[in-house]
Every structure is written in C-alpha cells, then in structure tokens.
C-alpha cells in the first residue's frame, strides 16, 4: 500500500498521480474492510504531520492522522463494530445494493459481477462479503489505476458502481452516532471523492 504522503517525492507527475490515487483508495478500503490493525493506524497517524495548507484533501488527511493518534486501538475496534457490524447489523450497511435499492444482493450486485468479469477480475473465494461492499469497490478502483487501465475505464466504473451512492455513504459515516475516528475517515473519503470526480472529468 502506497502512502499519499510519500508519492509526491518521486517519479513523474503522471506516475505520482497514479500512486497517490491508488494509495488513497487502498487506505480507505483497508480502514473500512476490517478492523484496522495497529500497523495501519500507525501509518495513518503520520498524516498528522503533512502540510494542511495545500487543500481539502490535505486538511482531511491531517484530521484523520490526529484521530489515529488520539483514539486508542480498542476505541477504534469497538467503534468499527458498532458502525459496521453491530448486534444484528451495524449503524451503516456499506453495500451498493443497499444504498441503491434498500436491499442486499439486488440488481446492482449482479451488474457489478458482470462488469468485474468483463474487466477480468475474479472473486476471491476466501472473501465472504459481496463484491458491492464499499471497500471492495475502492479496491477495484485502486487495481484499475495500478494496472494502468485507461481513464475512461476508471471513470465508467466509478460512475456506474460508486457515483450514485458514495456521497450518501460518506455523509452517513460522517454523521454516524457511533463514530468518532470514522468521522475523520468520512471526511477524507468525501474530499478524495471530490478530487476523483475532478481528476476524471466528472461534475463535482
């Protein structure tokens, strides 16, 4: 996983953009896929040291870094459970089908599976979560960038499988009653989503 802090210091501009974008997607996915391990939280805590005068993303990264420094691992683990798992279900249901239809395992998931097959991606048999989990979709975006897929393909996938609902997810996470650390994650996700739309030529 590439740190957005480090990628601006090496390589050409396009290569730096690719590393930054893939790194950001991977960080977001890792923070929401499972309870974030100590090593990941240590990496994220370094965000607190960057220059936050450069823009919204940098300011959001600083906020996330400070949150990683001030919240304990136990607090973050408990918060992850309340927000995403819960007793029966968490406060949020982070799946594209849920956000688009109000139900799990619906038509958007079937369309996603068809598109993933078209792109040459196979489901990891060890994964129990449906492919429309937000973390899985962020991981696909990272892979599209890392594999050098053209910007039109990246834009198509984002617009079809994230664009219609990711803003609502980010807002729900930002206002979740159980969230403290994850409010900072939501701020970073929202700022990066806006950046991505601009980068890929979509309306912000």
C-alpha atoms as a PDB file:
ATOM      1  CA  UNK A   1       0.000   0.000   0.000  1.00  0.00           C
ATOM      2  CA  UNK A   2       1.481   3.351  -1.037  1.00  0.00           C
ATOM      3  CA  UNK A   3       1.279   6.301   1.292  1.00  0.00           C
ATOM      4  CA  UNK A   4      -0.124   9.503  -0.233  1.00  0.00           C
ATOM      5  CA  UNK A   5       2.490  11.277   1.877  1.00  0.00           C
ATOM      6  CA  UNK A   6       5.378   9.652   0.058  1.00  0.00           C
ATOM      7  CA  UNK A   7       4.320   9.514  -3.562  1.00  0.00           C
ATOM      8  CA  UNK A   8       4.789  13.218  -4.322  1.00  0.00           C
ATOM      9  CA  UNK A   9       8.534  12.939  -3.829  1.00  0.00           C
ATOM     10  CA  UNK A  10       9.475  10.626  -6.701  1.00  0.00           C
ATOM     11  CA  UNK A  11       8.640   9.832 -10.316  1.00  0.00           C
ATOM     12  CA  UNK A  12       6.970  11.887 -12.998  1.00  0.00           C
ATOM     13  CA  UNK A  13       3.735  13.786 -12.473  1.00  0.00           C
ATOM     14  CA  UNK A  14       1.514  11.113 -14.015  1.00  0.00           C
ATOM     15  CA  UNK A  15       3.213   8.339 -12.055  1.00  0.00           C
ATOM     16  CA  UNK A  16       2.825  10.340  -8.841  1.00  0.00           C
ATOM     17  CA  UNK A  17      -0.864  10.875  -9.575  1.00  0.00           C
ATOM     18  CA  UNK A  18      -1.374   7.156 -10.137  1.00  0.00           C
ATOM     19  CA  UNK A  19       0.430   6.212  -6.935  1.00  0.00           C
ATOM     20  CA  UNK A  20      -1.383   8.860  -4.910  1.00  0.00           C
ATOM     21  CA  UNK A  21      -4.815   7.872  -6.170  1.00  0.00           C
ATOM     22  CA  UNK A  22      -4.286   4.130  -5.799  1.00  0.00           C
ATOM     23  CA  UNK A  23      -2.760   4.669  -2.365  1.00  0.00           C
ATOM     24  CA  UNK A  24      -5.725   6.741  -1.205  1.00  0.00           C
ATOM     25  CA  UNK A  25      -8.213   4.119  -2.408  1.00  0.00           C
ATOM     26  CA  UNK A  26      -6.228   1.371  -0.702  1.00  0.00           C
ATOM     27  CA  UNK A  27      -6.078   3.272   2.577  1.00  0.00           C
ATOM     28  CA  UNK A  28      -9.818   3.900   2.545  1.00  0.00           C
ATOM     29  CA  UNK A  29     -10.552   0.262   1.725  1.00  0.00           C
ATOM     30  CA  UNK A  30      -8.248  -1.025   4.451  1.00  0.00           C
ATOM     31  CA  UNK A  31      -9.817   1.232   7.073  1.00  0.00           C
ATOM     32  CA  UNK A  32     -13.343   0.011   6.313  1.00  0.00           C
ATOM     33  CA  UNK A  33     -12.852  -3.587   5.134  1.00  0.00           C
ATOM     34  CA  UNK A  34     -11.986  -4.942   8.615  1.00  0.00           C
ATOM     35  CA  UNK A  35     -10.924  -3.609  11.998  1.00  0.00           C
ATOM     36  CA  UNK A  36      -7.791  -1.596  11.133  1.00  0.00           C
ATOM     37  CA  UNK A  37      -4.640  -3.245  12.528  1.00  0.00           C
ATOM     38  CA  UNK A  38      -2.078  -1.364  14.612  1.00  0.00           C
ATOM     39  CA  UNK A  39       0.397  -1.097  11.716  1.00  0.00           C
ATOM     40  CA  UNK A  40      -2.181   0.607   9.507  1.00  0.00           C
ATOM     41  CA  UNK A  41      -3.176   3.032  12.256  1.00  0.00           C
ATOM     42  CA  UNK A  42       0.491   3.886  12.790  1.00  0.00           C
ATOM     43  CA  UNK A  43       0.840   4.687   9.098  1.00  0.00           C
ATOM     44  CA  UNK A  44      -2.305   6.804   9.106  1.00  0.00           C
ATOM     45  CA  UNK A  45      -1.144   8.690  12.215  1.00  0.00           C
ATOM     46  CA  UNK A  46       1.704  10.090  10.095  1.00  0.00           C
ATOM     47  CA  UNK A  47      -0.873  12.064   8.105  1.00  0.00           C
ATOM     48  CA  UNK A  48      -0.957  14.496  11.028  1.00  0.00           C
ATOM     49  CA  UNK A  49       2.495  15.742  10.005  1.00  0.00           C
ATOM     50  CA  UNK A  50       1.722  16.836   6.441  1.00  0.00           C
ATOM     51  CA  UNK A  51       1.196  20.413   5.258  1.00  0.00           C
ATOM     52  CA  UNK A  52      -2.525  21.042   5.593  1.00  0.00           C
ATOM     53  CA  UNK A  53      -2.465  24.378   3.755  1.00  0.00           C
ATOM     54  CA  UNK A  54      -2.464  22.753   0.316  1.00  0.00           C
ATOM     55  CA  UNK A  55      -6.155  21.886   0.044  1.00  0.00           C
ATOM     56  CA  UNK A  56      -9.186  19.984   1.292  1.00  0.00           C
ATOM     57  CA  UNK A  57      -7.611  16.545   0.933  1.00  0.00           C
ATOM     58  CA  UNK A  58      -4.531  17.525   2.911  1.00  0.00           C
ATOM     59  CA  UNK A  59      -6.648  19.080   5.661  1.00  0.00           C
ATOM     60  CA  UNK A  60      -8.774  15.920   5.794  1.00  0.00           C
ATOM     61  CA  UNK A  61      -5.641  13.776   5.975  1.00  0.00           C
ATOM     62  CA  UNK A  62      -4.327  15.808   8.912  1.00  0.00           C
ATOM     63  CA  UNK A  63      -7.660  15.362  10.701  1.00  0.00           C
ATOM     64  CA  UNK A  64      -7.500  11.612  10.059  1.00  0.00           C
ATOM     65  CA  UNK A  65      -3.913  11.454  11.290  1.00  0.00           C
ATOM     66  CA  UNK A  66      -4.795  13.268  14.503  1.00  0.00           C
ATOM     67  CA  UNK A  67      -7.758  10.947  15.035  1.00  0.00           C
ATOM     68  CA  UNK A  68      -5.469   7.918  14.623  1.00  0.00           C
ATOM     69  CA  UNK A  69      -3.117   9.401  17.219  1.00  0.00           C
ATOM     70  CA  UNK A  70      -5.771  10.319  19.790  1.00  0.00           C
ATOM     71  CA  UNK A  71      -8.129   7.319  19.563  1.00  0.00           C
ATOM     72  CA  UNK A  72      -6.890   4.064  21.091  1.00  0.00           C
ATOM     73  CA  UNK A  73      -6.860   0.807  19.153  1.00  0.00           C
ATOM     74  CA  UNK A  74      -9.548  -0.538  21.476  1.00  0.00           C
ATOM     75  CA  UNK A  75     -11.748   2.507  20.900  1.00  0.00           C
ATOM     76  CA  UNK A  76     -11.379   2.199  17.124  1.00  0.00           C
ATOM     77  CA  UNK A  77     -12.052  -1.550  17.220  1.00  0.00           C
ATOM     78  CA  UNK A  78     -15.197  -1.031  19.296  1.00  0.00           C
ATOM     79  CA  UNK A  79     -16.288   1.815  17.036  1.00  0.00           C
ATOM     80  CA  UNK A  80     -15.800  -0.323  13.930  1.00  0.00           C
ATOM     81  CA  UNK A  81     -18.053  -2.974  15.445  1.00  0.00           C
ATOM     82  CA  UNK A  82     -20.806  -0.518  16.328  1.00  0.00           C
ATOM     83  CA  UNK A  83     -20.719   1.287  12.976  1.00  0.00           C
ATOM     84  CA  UNK A  84     -20.319  -1.647  10.568  1.00  0.00           C
ATOM     85  CA  UNK A  85     -21.178  -4.900  12.398  1.00  0.00           C
ATOM     86  CA  UNK A  86     -23.436  -4.363  15.391  1.00  0.00           C
ATOM     87  CA  UNK A  87     -25.752  -6.843  17.055  1.00  0.00           C
ATOM     88  CA  UNK A  88     -27.726  -7.950  14.043  1.00  0.00           C
ATOM     89  CA  UNK A  89     -26.433  -5.102  11.876  1.00  0.00           C
ATOM     90  CA  UNK A  90     -24.311  -2.027  12.276  1.00  0.00           C
ATOM     91  CA  UNK A  91     -25.373   1.582  12.133  1.00  0.00           C
ATOM     92  CA  UNK A  92     -24.327   1.647   8.462  1.00  0.00           C
ATOM     93  CA  UNK A  93     -24.764  -1.007   5.765  1.00  0.00           C
ATOM     94  CA  UNK A  94     -21.830  -0.329   3.418  1.00  0.00           C
ATOM     95  CA  UNK A  95     -23.103  -2.031   0.265  1.00  0.00           C
ATOM     96  CA  UNK A  96     -24.011  -0.558  -3.083  1.00  0.00           C
ATOM     97  CA  UNK A  97     -27.171  -2.651  -3.430  1.00  0.00           C
ATOM     98  CA  UNK A  98     -28.423  -1.446  -0.050  1.00  0.00           C
ATOM     99  CA  UNK A  99     -27.870   2.200  -0.889  1.00  0.00           C
ATOM    100  CA  UNK A 100     -29.441   1.926  -4.333  1.00  0.00           C
ATOM    101  CA  UNK A 101     -32.386  -0.403  -3.645  1.00  0.00           C
ATOM    102  CA  UNK A 102     -32.773  -0.684   0.132  1.00  0.00           C
ATOM    103  CA  UNK A 103     -31.944  -4.406  -0.013  1.00  0.00           C
ATOM    104  CA  UNK A 104     -28.828  -6.569  -0.161  1.00  0.00           C
ATOM    105  CA  UNK A 105     -27.883  -8.853  -3.067  1.00  0.00           C
ATOM    106  CA  UNK A 106     -30.015  -6.934  -5.563  1.00  0.00           C
ATOM    107  CA  UNK A 107     -29.661  -5.982  -9.255  1.00  0.00           C
ATOM    108  CA  UNK A 108     -26.685  -3.606  -8.754  1.00  0.00           C
ATOM    109  CA  UNK A 109     -24.649  -6.524  -7.389  1.00  0.00           C
ATOM    110  CA  UNK A 110     -25.479  -8.682 -10.428  1.00  0.00           C
ATOM    111  CA  UNK A 111     -24.457  -5.871 -12.785  1.00  0.00           C
ATOM    112  CA  UNK A 112     -21.252  -5.362 -10.810  1.00  0.00           C
ATOM    113  CA  UNK A 113     -20.372  -9.040 -11.076  1.00  0.00           C
ATOM    114  CA  UNK A 114     -20.905  -8.938 -14.846  1.00  0.00           C
ATOM    115  CA  UNK A 115     -18.682  -5.875 -15.150  1.00  0.00           C
ATOM    116  CA  UNK A 116     -15.953  -7.345 -12.953  1.00  0.00           C
ATOM    117  CA  UNK A 117     -15.926 -10.427 -15.166  1.00  0.00           C
ATOM    118  CA  UNK A 118     -15.712  -8.191 -18.235  1.00  0.00           C
ATOM    119  CA  UNK A 119     -12.716  -6.431 -16.672  1.00  0.00           C
ATOM    120  CA  UNK A 120     -11.014  -9.761 -15.983  1.00  0.00           C
ATOM    121  CA  UNK A 121     -11.377  -9.707 -12.194  1.00  0.00           C
ATOM    122  CA  UNK A 122     -12.260 -12.939 -10.402  1.00  0.00           C
ATOM    123  CA  UNK A 123     -13.862 -13.159  -6.984  1.00  0.00           C
ATOM    124  CA  UNK A 124     -11.508 -14.144  -4.167  1.00  0.00           C
ATOM    125  CA  UNK A 125     -13.044 -17.353  -2.815  1.00  0.00           C
ATOM    126  CA  UNK A 126     -11.791 -16.520   0.688  1.00  0.00           C
ATOM    127  CA  UNK A 127     -13.920 -13.359   0.835  1.00  0.00           C
ATOM    128  CA  UNK A 128     -17.347 -13.739   2.412  1.00  0.00           C
ATOM    129  CA  UNK A 129     -18.561 -10.213   1.697  1.00  0.00           C
ATOM    130  CA  UNK A 130     -20.499  -9.453  -1.516  1.00  0.00           C
ATOM    131  CA  UNK A 131     -18.497  -7.577  -4.125  1.00  0.00           C
ATOM    132  CA  UNK A 132     -20.505  -4.376  -3.705  1.00  0.00           C
ATOM    133  CA  UNK A 133     -19.045  -3.656  -0.260  1.00  0.00           C
ATOM    134  CA  UNK A 134     -17.649  -0.128  -0.461  1.00  0.00           C
ATOM    135  CA  UNK A 135     -14.166  -1.349   0.473  1.00  0.00           C
ATOM    136  CA  UNK A 136     -14.207  -3.866  -2.383  1.00  0.00           C
ATOM    137  CA  UNK A 137     -15.236  -1.176  -4.854  1.00  0.00           C
ATOM    138  CA  UNK A 138     -12.442   1.109  -3.643  1.00  0.00           C
ATOM    139  CA  UNK A 139     -10.030  -1.809  -4.075  1.00  0.00           C
ATOM    140  CA  UNK A 140     -11.200  -2.299  -7.658  1.00  0.00           C
ATOM    141  CA  UNK A 141     -10.588   1.385  -8.371  1.00  0.00           C
ATOM    142  CA  UNK A 142      -7.074   1.017  -6.951  1.00  0.00           C
ATOM    143  CA  UNK A 143      -6.434  -2.033  -9.155  1.00  0.00           C
ATOM    144  CA  UNK A 144      -7.681  -0.258 -12.263  1.00  0.00           C
ATOM    145  CA  UNK A 145      -5.186   2.524 -11.584  1.00  0.00           C
ATOM    146  CA  UNK A 146      -2.323   0.201 -10.635  1.00  0.00           C
ATOM    147  CA  UNK A 147      -2.850  -1.914 -13.760  1.00  0.00           C
ATOM    148  CA  UNK A 148      -2.754   1.167 -15.955  1.00  0.00           C
ATOM    149  CA  UNK A 149      -6.345   0.909 -17.186  1.00  0.00           C
ATOM    150  CA  UNK A 150      -7.293   3.994 -19.175  1.00  0.00           C
ATOM    151  CA  UNK A 151      -9.084   6.909 -17.543  1.00  0.00           C
ATOM    152  CA  UNK A 152     -12.281   6.206 -19.499  1.00  0.00           C
ATOM    153  CA  UNK A 153     -12.484   2.745 -17.913  1.00  0.00           C
ATOM    154  CA  UNK A 154     -11.829   4.159 -14.454  1.00  0.00           C
ATOM    155  CA  UNK A 155     -14.481   6.823 -14.974  1.00  0.00           C
ATOM    156  CA  UNK A 156     -17.023   4.299 -16.280  1.00  0.00           C
ATOM    157  CA  UNK A 157     -16.545   2.002 -13.299  1.00  0.00           C
ATOM    158  CA  UNK A 158     -16.681   4.837 -10.764  1.00  0.00           C
ATOM    159  CA  UNK A 159     -19.788   6.411 -12.271  1.00  0.00           C
ATOM    160  CA  UNK A 160     -21.653   3.105 -12.622  1.00  0.00           C
ATOM    161  CA  UNK A 161     -20.806   1.461  -9.327  1.00  0.00           C
ATOM    162  CA  UNK A 162     -19.937   4.283  -6.901  1.00  0.00           C
ATOM    163  CA  UNK A 163     -21.146   7.588  -8.285  1.00  0.00           C
ATOM    164  CA  UNK A 164     -24.843   7.171  -7.489  1.00  0.00           C
ATOM    165  CA  UNK A 165     -24.438   6.480  -3.774  1.00  0.00           C
ATOM    166  CA  UNK A 166     -20.926   7.117  -2.434  1.00  0.00           C
ATOM    167  CA  UNK A 167     -21.744  10.685  -1.352  1.00  0.00           C
ATOM    168  CA  UNK A 168     -24.645   9.415   0.762  1.00  0.00           C
ATOM    169  CA  UNK A 169     -22.416   6.777   2.313  1.00  0.00           C
ATOM    170  CA  UNK A 170     -19.740   9.344   3.136  1.00  0.00           C
ATOM    171  CA  UNK A 171     -22.355  11.643   4.666  1.00  0.00           C
ATOM    172  CA  UNK A 172     -23.915   8.823   6.684  1.00  0.00           C
ATOM    173  CA  UNK A 173     -20.498   7.865   8.020  1.00  0.00           C
ATOM    174  CA  UNK A 174     -19.706  11.490   8.852  1.00  0.00           C
ATOM    175  CA  UNK A 175     -22.895  11.763  10.915  1.00  0.00           C
ATOM    176  CA  UNK A 176     -22.988   8.260  12.416  1.00  0.00           C
ATOM    177  CA  UNK A 177     -23.826   8.476  16.122  1.00  0.00           C
ATOM    178  CA  UNK A 178     -21.339   5.744  16.979  1.00  0.00           C
ATOM    179  CA  UNK A 179     -18.470   7.311  15.037  1.00  0.00           C
ATOM    180  CA  UNK A 180     -15.539   9.374  16.270  1.00  0.00           C
ATOM    181  CA  UNK A 181     -12.483   8.061  14.400  1.00  0.00           C
ATOM    182  CA  UNK A 182     -14.658   7.166  11.435  1.00  0.00           C
ATOM    183  CA  UNK A 183     -15.964  10.700  11.135  1.00  0.00           C
ATOM    184  CA  UNK A 184     -12.387  11.587  10.161  1.00  0.00           C
ATOM    185  CA  UNK A 185     -12.320   8.673   7.712  1.00  0.00           C
ATOM    186  CA  UNK A 186     -15.541  10.020   6.201  1.00  0.00           C
ATOM    187  CA  UNK A 187     -14.044  13.491   5.801  1.00  0.00           C
ATOM    188  CA  UNK A 188     -11.063  12.052   3.930  1.00  0.00           C
ATOM    189  CA  UNK A 189     -13.338   9.857   1.800  1.00  0.00           C
ATOM    190  CA  UNK A 190     -15.527  12.833   0.863  1.00  0.00           C
ATOM    191  CA  UNK A 191     -12.581  15.065  -0.004  1.00  0.00           C
ATOM    192  CA  UNK A 192     -10.966  12.335  -2.081  1.00  0.00           C
ATOM    193  CA  UNK A 193     -14.251  11.570  -3.854  1.00  0.00           C
ATOM    194  CA  UNK A 194     -14.497  15.211  -4.914  1.00  0.00           C
ATOM    195  CA  UNK A 195     -10.882  15.112  -6.076  1.00  0.00           C
ATOM    196  CA  UNK A 196     -11.524  11.961  -8.103  1.00  0.00           C
ATOM    197  CA  UNK A 197     -14.518  13.419  -9.856  1.00  0.00           C
ATOM    198  CA  UNK A 198     -12.468  16.422 -10.852  1.00  0.00           C
ATOM    199  CA  UNK A 199      -9.482  14.313 -11.904  1.00  0.00           C
ATOM    200  CA  UNK A 200     -11.607  12.068 -14.093  1.00  0.00           C
ATOM    201  CA  UNK A 201     -13.521  14.959 -15.630  1.00  0.00           C
ATOM    202  CA  UNK A 202     -16.827  14.409 -13.883  1.00  0.00           C
ATOM    203  CA  UNK A 203     -19.051  17.054 -12.358  1.00  0.00           C
ATOM    204  CA  UNK A 204     -18.160  17.637  -8.699  1.00  0.00           C
END
